[in-house]
Amino acid sequence: MGHDVNWADDISADVAELGPGLAELYQALLDEPATAAECGSRVGTSQACVERDLCRLAELRLVRRVVDDPERWEALAPDSAIAELVAPMQTRVHELTTLTEHVRASIGKLSPLYRAAYRKQFAQSSTEVLRTSDEVRRRLRDLSVQARDAVIAVHPTMAPVAALRDGLDLDRMLLQRGVEYNVVWPHSARRQAESVDYMRLIMDLGAQVRTAAVPPVRMIVLDRAVALIPLPAEEGEGAAIVRDPVVLAFMVRIFEHVWEHARPVDDIAYDDVVFSEIELAILNDLAGGRTDEAIARRLGISTRTLRRYLSTLFERFRVETRFQLGIAAMRAGLLSG
């Protein structure tokens, strides 16, 4: 019995892949029991390799030594091997499931106390203000752990690589629990290698990802019950946690509008449509009188990249100044006035 338990602890996903050599050796023993040397002759392998493979098959309960002739080996039924190997694993699964439920029930008793304390602390306001980035990260983790149904998010810019790595555990935890996760990032993320890697990773985990030329706001809404939004720039790097149902409903509508007009991320291509949407956003920002720095910041690109876009637009419309570009874009119907 102790041997079975140790096997269940050591078993891994590659057990099912016997490989052609083991399968051929097993098939050779189906005809009749044989010694290691005889098996080597049948499969064209050295006796040393055969002896190693026989030990492996014995561990898998697929062969054993003949009782009255220990030098010879005989094949066993795969169904019996499966039953013998799976039984201790099923026992372990049952034990872990029981332990999981015990932990959930035991520690879960504290959740009402935690929620009551926060309700009491913020009874006079539906908004909780976090003043430091550490507070923001800590509370976002707390809220993510409590999320059960859906998380929606909009990010006007991609976070630095270090921040993406820090957030990966939260995203993975949500997705592995079956929480629906929809997120919108800027088109510029499609041209950043680290951002592309991150998008591919969370999409493989089950997230739905889209990009937009200029995502309007930064927000994270969890279960349509609580949202995290940044504080105004003049107030520092903190954030506010919002629970007001009216405000949350408004934020969800904003997200739905952004999501509807964002481009799905399938192969993460930087195609003509994405390119055109960025150019149109640049034209509108120019018409609005924004500086190069402000436009680049809104698009999540560098000023050098922005000027490359402008050079392309000047060449396409055959103009030399930004004023001429604005007039040409209006005549082409790209700007309303």
Protein backbone atom coordinates (compact mmCIF):
# COMPACT_ATOMS: atom_id res chain seq x y z
CA MET A 1 0.00 0.00 0.00
CA GLY A 2 2.89 2.33 0.81
CA HIS A 3 4.31 1.72 -2.66
CA ASP A 4 0.99 2.84 -4.22
CA VAL A 5 0.94 6.06 -2.24
CA ASN A 6 4.48 6.92 -3.27
CA TRP A 7 3.59 6.23 -6.91
CA ALA A 8 0.54 8.51 -6.71
CA ASP A 9 2.76 11.27 -5.35
CA ASP A 10 5.30 10.89 -8.14
CA ILE A 11 2.99 10.35 -11.10
CA SER A 12 3.00 12.98 -13.85
CA ALA A 13 1.25 13.75 -17.13
CA ASP A 14 3.93 11.99 -19.21
CA VAL A 15 2.86 8.58 -17.89
CA ALA A 16 0.28 8.27 -20.67
CA GLU A 17 3.05 8.72 -23.27
CA LEU A 18 4.73 5.31 -23.26
CA GLY A 19 6.77 6.02 -26.33
CA PRO A 20 7.29 3.63 -29.27
CA GLY A 21 10.08 1.66 -27.57
CA LEU A 22 8.02 0.72 -24.51
CA ALA A 23 4.94 -0.05 -26.60
CA GLU A 24 6.99 -2.30 -28.95
CA LEU A 25 8.52 -4.15 -26.00
CA TYR A 26 5.09 -4.65 -24.42
CA GLN A 27 3.74 -5.99 -27.72
CA ALA A 28 6.67 -8.41 -27.99
CA LEU A 29 5.68 -9.93 -24.64
CA LEU A 30 2.07 -10.41 -25.70
CA ASP A 31 3.06 -13.41 -27.84
CA GLU A 32 4.63 -15.31 -24.94
CA PRO A 33 6.74 -14.65 -21.82
CA ALA A 34 10.41 -14.03 -22.55
CA THR A 35 13.72 -13.20 -20.92
CA ALA A 36 15.36 -9.80 -21.34
CA ALA A 37 17.76 -11.27 -23.86
CA GLU A 38 14.94 -12.81 -25.89
CA CYS A 39 13.05 -9.48 -25.79
CA GLY A 40 16.16 -7.73 -27.07
CA SER A 41 16.28 -10.09 -30.05
CA ARG A 42 12.60 -9.52 -30.79
CA VAL A 43 12.76 -5.74 -30.77
CA GLY A 44 16.37 -5.30 -31.93
CA THR A 45 17.59 -3.55 -28.77
CA SER A 46 20.47 -4.22 -26.41
CA GLN A 47 19.77 -6.27 -23.32
CA ALA A 48 20.71 -3.33 -21.06
CA CYS A 49 18.11 -1.08 -22.72
CA VAL A 50 15.50 -3.85 -22.56
CA GLU A 51 16.13 -4.40 -18.84
CA ARG A 52 15.70 -0.68 -18.20
CA ASP A 53 12.47 -0.58 -20.21
CA LEU A 54 11.14 -3.71 -18.48
CA CYS A 55 11.64 -2.00 -15.12
CA ARG A 56 9.71 0.99 -16.42
CA LEU A 57 6.86 -1.22 -17.67
CA ALA A 58 6.86 -3.02 -14.31
CA GLU A 59 6.46 0.34 -12.53
CA LEU A 60 3.45 0.95 -14.77
CA ARG A 61 2.04 -2.47 -13.75
CA LEU A 62 2.13 -3.61 -17.40
CA VAL A 63 4.59 -6.50 -16.98
CA ARG A 64 5.86 -8.73 -14.19
CA ARG A 65 8.27 -11.61 -13.70
CA VAL A 66 6.82 -15.09 -14.23
CA VAL A 67 6.23 -16.62 -10.79
CA ASP A 68 7.87 -19.98 -11.45
CA ASP A 69 10.56 -18.58 -13.80
CA PRO A 70 11.82 -15.16 -12.56
CA GLU A 71 14.15 -14.76 -15.53
CA ARG A 72 11.14 -14.46 -17.83
CA TRP A 73 8.67 -11.58 -18.08
CA GLU A 74 4.98 -11.65 -18.99
CA ALA A 75 2.56 -8.93 -20.11
CA LEU A 76 -0.38 -7.85 -17.89
CA ALA A 77 -3.74 -6.38 -18.84
CA PRO A 78 -3.69 -2.56 -19.25
CA ASP A 79 -7.12 -2.31 -17.56
CA SER A 80 -5.70 -3.88 -14.41
CA ALA A 81 -2.73 -1.51 -14.51
CA ILE A 82 -5.02 1.49 -14.87
CA ALA A 83 -7.17 0.37 -11.94
CA GLU A 84 -4.16 -0.18 -9.70
CA LEU A 85 -2.51 3.13 -10.55
CA VAL A 86 -5.61 5.32 -10.56
CA ALA A 87 -7.04 4.09 -7.24
CA PRO A 88 -4.50 5.91 -5.00
CA MET A 89 -4.81 9.05 -7.13
CA GLN A 90 -8.58 9.04 -6.72
CA THR A 91 -8.10 8.68 -3.00
CA ARG A 92 -5.74 11.66 -3.04
CA VAL A 93 -8.24 13.72 -5.06
CA HIS A 94 -10.92 12.95 -2.52
CA GLU A 95 -8.63 13.93 0.34
CA LEU A 96 -7.66 17.22 -1.33
CA THR A 97 -11.29 18.02 -2.14
CA THR A 98 -12.28 17.43 1.47
CA LEU A 99 -9.37 19.57 2.69
CA THR A 100 -10.27 22.35 0.21
CA GLU A 101 -13.84 22.48 1.46
CA HIS A 102 -12.64 22.48 5.07
CA VAL A 103 -10.27 25.43 4.41
CA ARG A 104 -12.96 27.33 2.53
CA ALA A 105 -15.51 26.79 5.30
CA SER A 106 -13.11 27.47 8.15
CA ILE A 107 -11.45 30.63 6.84
CA GLY A 108 -14.62 31.75 5.05
CA LYS A 109 -16.23 32.33 8.46
CA LEU A 110 -14.07 35.44 8.73
CA SER A 111 -15.37 37.02 5.49
CA PRO A 112 -18.53 38.52 7.07
CA LEU A 113 -16.37 40.10 9.79
CA TYR A 114 -14.05 41.58 7.17
CA ARG A 115 -16.90 42.95 5.05
CA ALA A 116 -18.70 44.33 8.11
CA ALA A 117 -15.55 46.17 9.20
CA TYR A 118 -15.23 47.82 5.78
CA ARG A 119 -18.92 48.67 5.66
CA LYS A 120 -18.58 50.33 9.03
CA GLN A 121 -15.43 52.18 8.02
CA PHE A 122 -17.01 53.59 4.86
CA ALA A 123 -20.61 53.83 6.01
CA GLN A 124 -20.67 57.55 5.27
CA SER A 125 -19.34 57.20 1.74
CA SER A 126 -19.57 54.80 -1.17
CA THR A 127 -16.02 55.73 -2.20
CA GLU A 128 -12.80 54.50 -0.63
CA VAL A 129 -9.70 56.56 -1.43
CA LEU A 130 -6.31 54.88 -1.69
CA ARG A 131 -3.37 57.26 -1.55
CA THR A 132 -0.40 55.07 -2.45
CA SER A 133 0.40 52.51 -5.14
CA ASP A 134 1.00 49.88 -2.46
CA GLU A 135 -2.52 50.42 -1.11
CA VAL A 136 -3.90 50.16 -4.64
CA ARG A 137 -2.14 46.84 -5.29
CA ARG A 138 -3.20 45.42 -1.94
CA ARG A 139 -6.86 46.35 -2.32
CA LEU A 140 -6.96 45.21 -5.95
CA ARG A 141 -5.71 41.81 -4.82
CA ASP A 142 -8.38 41.69 -2.08
CA LEU A 143 -11.13 42.59 -4.54
CA SER A 144 -9.86 40.13 -7.15
CA VAL A 145 -9.95 37.28 -4.65
CA GLN A 146 -13.62 38.08 -3.97
CA ALA A 147 -14.62 38.35 -7.66
CA ARG A 148 -16.89 35.53 -8.78
CA ASP A 149 -18.54 36.33 -12.12
CA ALA A 150 -16.90 38.92 -14.36
CA VAL A 151 -14.14 41.50 -14.50
CA ILE A 152 -14.05 44.24 -17.14
CA ALA A 153 -11.14 46.62 -17.57
CA VAL A 154 -9.96 49.49 -19.76
CA HIS A 155 -6.33 50.64 -19.78
CA PRO A 156 -5.40 53.73 -21.89
CA THR A 157 -1.73 52.72 -21.64
CA MET A 158 0.12 49.46 -21.11
CA ALA A 159 1.74 49.09 -17.73
CA PRO A 160 5.53 48.66 -17.46
CA VAL A 161 6.84 45.12 -17.82
CA ALA A 162 7.42 44.78 -14.06
CA ALA A 163 3.82 45.78 -13.34
CA LEU A 164 2.53 43.31 -15.94
CA ARG A 165 4.47 40.53 -14.25
CA ASP A 166 3.11 41.54 -10.84
CA GLY A 167 -0.44 41.51 -12.21
CA LEU A 168 -0.13 38.16 -13.98
CA ASP A 169 -0.80 36.13 -10.83
CA LEU A 170 -4.04 38.05 -10.24
CA ASP A 171 -5.17 37.59 -13.83
CA ARG A 172 -4.30 33.89 -13.79
CA MET A 173 -6.11 33.40 -10.47
CA LEU A 174 -9.28 35.02 -11.86
CA LEU A 175 -9.26 33.03 -15.08
CA GLN A 176 -8.51 29.70 -13.44
CA ARG A 177 -11.53 30.25 -11.19
CA GLY A 178 -13.71 30.65 -14.28
CA VAL A 179 -14.23 34.41 -13.90
CA GLU A 180 -15.06 36.05 -17.25
CA TYR A 181 -12.35 38.62 -18.02
CA ASN A 182 -12.66 41.24 -20.78
CA VAL A 183 -10.00 43.92 -21.19
CA VAL A 184 -9.29 46.78 -23.63
CA TRP A 185 -5.78 48.10 -24.22
CA PRO A 186 -4.49 50.72 -26.70
CA HIS A 187 -3.65 49.78 -30.29
CA SER A 188 -0.03 50.69 -29.54
CA ALA A 189 0.22 47.55 -27.37
CA ARG A 190 0.28 45.53 -30.60
CA ARG A 191 3.73 46.92 -31.39
CA GLN A 192 5.34 46.26 -27.99
CA ALA A 193 6.89 42.80 -27.68
CA GLU A 194 6.31 42.48 -23.93
CA SER A 195 2.70 43.63 -24.27
CA VAL A 196 2.06 41.18 -27.11
CA ASP A 197 3.49 38.33 -25.03
CA TYR A 198 1.26 39.30 -22.11
CA MET A 199 -1.87 39.51 -24.29
CA ARG A 200 -1.17 36.10 -25.81
CA LEU A 201 -0.60 34.62 -22.37
CA ILE A 202 -3.86 35.77 -20.80
CA MET A 203 -5.82 34.94 -23.97
CA ASP A 204 -4.49 31.39 -23.72
CA LEU A 205 -5.83 31.38 -20.16
CA GLY A 206 -9.29 32.39 -21.42
CA ALA A 207 -9.36 36.20 -21.37
CA GLN A 208 -11.08 38.24 -24.11
CA VAL A 209 -8.81 41.06 -25.31
CA ARG A 210 -9.47 44.01 -27.62
CA THR A 211 -7.61 47.20 -28.47
CA ALA A 212 -8.73 50.73 -29.30
CA ALA A 213 -6.94 53.76 -30.69
CA VAL A 214 -7.61 55.90 -27.60
CA PRO A 215 -9.25 54.07 -24.67
CA PRO A 216 -10.93 56.98 -22.84
CA VAL A 217 -10.50 56.06 -19.17
CA ARG A 218 -8.71 53.64 -16.90
CA MET A 219 -11.10 51.43 -14.96
CA ILE A 220 -11.46 47.96 -13.47
CA VAL A 221 -14.99 46.81 -12.60
CA LEU A 222 -15.49 43.58 -10.67
CA ASP A 223 -18.82 41.74 -10.69
CA ARG A 224 -20.51 45.07 -11.53
CA ALA A 225 -20.43 45.67 -7.78
CA VAL A 226 -17.18 47.55 -7.22
CA ALA A 227 -14.80 49.53 -9.43
CA LEU A 228 -11.25 50.81 -9.19
CA ILE A 229 -10.45 54.10 -10.94
CA PRO A 230 -7.34 56.33 -10.74
CA LEU A 231 -7.36 59.58 -8.79
CA PRO A 232 -6.89 62.82 -10.75
CA ALA A 233 -3.23 63.32 -11.68
CA GLU A 234 -2.86 66.29 -9.35
CA GLU A 235 -3.77 64.06 -6.40
CA GLY A 236 -0.96 61.58 -6.98
CA GLU A 237 -0.73 57.92 -7.96
CA GLY A 238 -3.60 56.60 -5.83
CA ALA A 239 -7.02 55.34 -6.81
CA ALA A 240 -10.62 55.34 -5.67
CA ILE A 241 -12.81 52.31 -5.03
CA VAL A 242 -16.39 53.03 -6.06
CA ARG A 243 -19.46 51.11 -4.95
CA ASP A 244 -22.28 53.48 -5.84
CA PRO A 245 -24.74 51.49 -8.04
CA VAL A 246 -25.55 54.50 -10.25
CA VAL A 247 -21.89 55.27 -10.90
CA LEU A 248 -21.14 51.59 -11.53
CA ALA A 249 -23.97 51.29 -14.04
CA PHE A 250 -22.61 54.35 -15.86
CA MET A 251 -19.10 52.86 -15.93
CA VAL A 252 -20.41 49.58 -17.31
CA ARG A 253 -22.15 51.48 -20.13
CA ILE A 254 -18.89 53.28 -20.90
CA PHE A 255 -17.09 49.95 -21.06
CA GLU A 256 -19.74 48.41 -23.32
CA HIS A 257 -19.38 51.34 -25.73
CA VAL A 258 -15.58 51.07 -25.73
CA TRP A 259 -15.73 47.28 -26.13
CA GLU A 260 -18.17 47.49 -29.05
CA HIS A 261 -15.90 49.84 -31.00
CA ALA A 262 -12.60 48.19 -30.06
CA ARG A 263 -10.80 45.79 -32.38
CA PRO A 264 -10.69 42.07 -31.36
CA VAL A 265 -7.23 40.71 -30.77
CA ASP A 266 -7.00 37.48 -32.74
CA ASP A 267 -3.54 37.29 -34.29
CA ILE A 268 -2.43 40.59 -32.69
CA ALA A 269 -1.76 42.02 -36.14
CA TYR A 270 -1.07 45.72 -36.70
CA ASP A 271 -3.30 45.77 -39.77
CA ASP A 272 -4.56 48.62 -41.96
CA VAL A 273 -7.71 49.09 -39.88
CA VAL A 274 -5.73 49.53 -36.67
CA PHE A 275 -3.31 51.85 -38.47
CA SER A 276 -6.16 53.95 -39.87
CA GLU A 277 -7.86 54.27 -36.48
CA ILE A 278 -4.64 55.61 -34.96
CA GLU A 279 -4.24 58.09 -37.83
CA LEU A 280 -7.84 59.28 -37.37
CA ALA A 281 -7.26 59.75 -33.64
CA ILE A 282 -4.16 61.85 -34.43
CA LEU A 283 -6.14 64.03 -36.87
CA ASN A 284 -8.87 64.62 -34.30
CA ASP A 285 -6.35 65.50 -31.61
CA LEU A 286 -4.58 67.90 -33.95
CA ALA A 287 -7.90 69.55 -34.76
CA GLY A 288 -8.52 69.83 -31.01
CA GLY A 289 -5.27 71.76 -30.57
CA ARG A 290 -3.41 69.13 -28.52
CA THR A 291 0.38 69.20 -28.43
CA ASP A 292 2.55 66.40 -29.78
CA GLU A 293 3.36 65.32 -26.23
CA ALA A 294 -0.31 65.20 -25.24
CA ILE A 295 -1.29 63.23 -28.36
CA ALA A 296 1.53 60.73 -27.92
CA ARG A 297 0.59 60.25 -24.27
CA ARG A 298 -3.07 59.59 -25.16
CA LEU A 299 -2.07 57.06 -27.82
CA GLY A 300 0.55 55.34 -25.66
CA ILE A 301 3.33 56.00 -28.18
CA SER A 302 6.52 58.08 -28.23
CA THR A 303 6.66 61.55 -29.79
CA ARG A 304 9.12 60.15 -32.34
CA THR A 305 6.57 57.53 -33.39
CA LEU A 306 3.88 60.21 -33.56
CA ARG A 307 6.01 62.29 -35.92
CA ARG A 308 6.45 59.27 -38.18
CA TYR A 309 2.66 59.01 -38.38
CA LEU A 310 2.48 62.73 -39.21
CA SER A 311 5.08 62.35 -41.98
CA THR A 312 2.99 59.57 -43.50
CA LEU A 313 -0.15 61.76 -43.33
CA PHE A 314 1.65 64.74 -44.90
CA GLU A 315 2.80 62.51 -47.75
CA ARG A 316 -0.61 60.91 -48.27
CA PHE A 317 -2.49 64.24 -48.39
CA ARG A 318 0.36 66.00 -50.22
CA VAL A 319 0.56 68.87 -47.72
CA GLU A 320 3.42 70.53 -45.86
CA THR A 321 1.86 72.04 -42.72
CA ARG A 322 -0.49 70.82 -40.00
CA PHE A 323 -3.02 73.48 -40.91
CA GLN A 324 -3.06 72.21 -44.50
CA LEU A 325 -3.38 68.67 -43.16
CA GLY A 326 -6.45 69.66 -41.13
CA ILE A 327 -8.11 71.29 -44.15
CA ALA A 328 -7.34 68.26 -46.35
CA ALA A 329 -8.72 65.87 -43.72
CA MET A 330 -11.94 67.91 -43.46
CA ARG A 331 -12.36 67.90 -47.23
CA ALA A 332 -11.86 64.13 -47.21
CA GLY A 333 -14.68 63.80 -44.66
CA LEU A 334 -12.39 62.56 -41.88
CA LEU A 335 -13.08 65.53 -39.59
CA SER A 336 -16.47 67.04 -38.86
CA GLY A 337 -15.43 70.67 -38.78
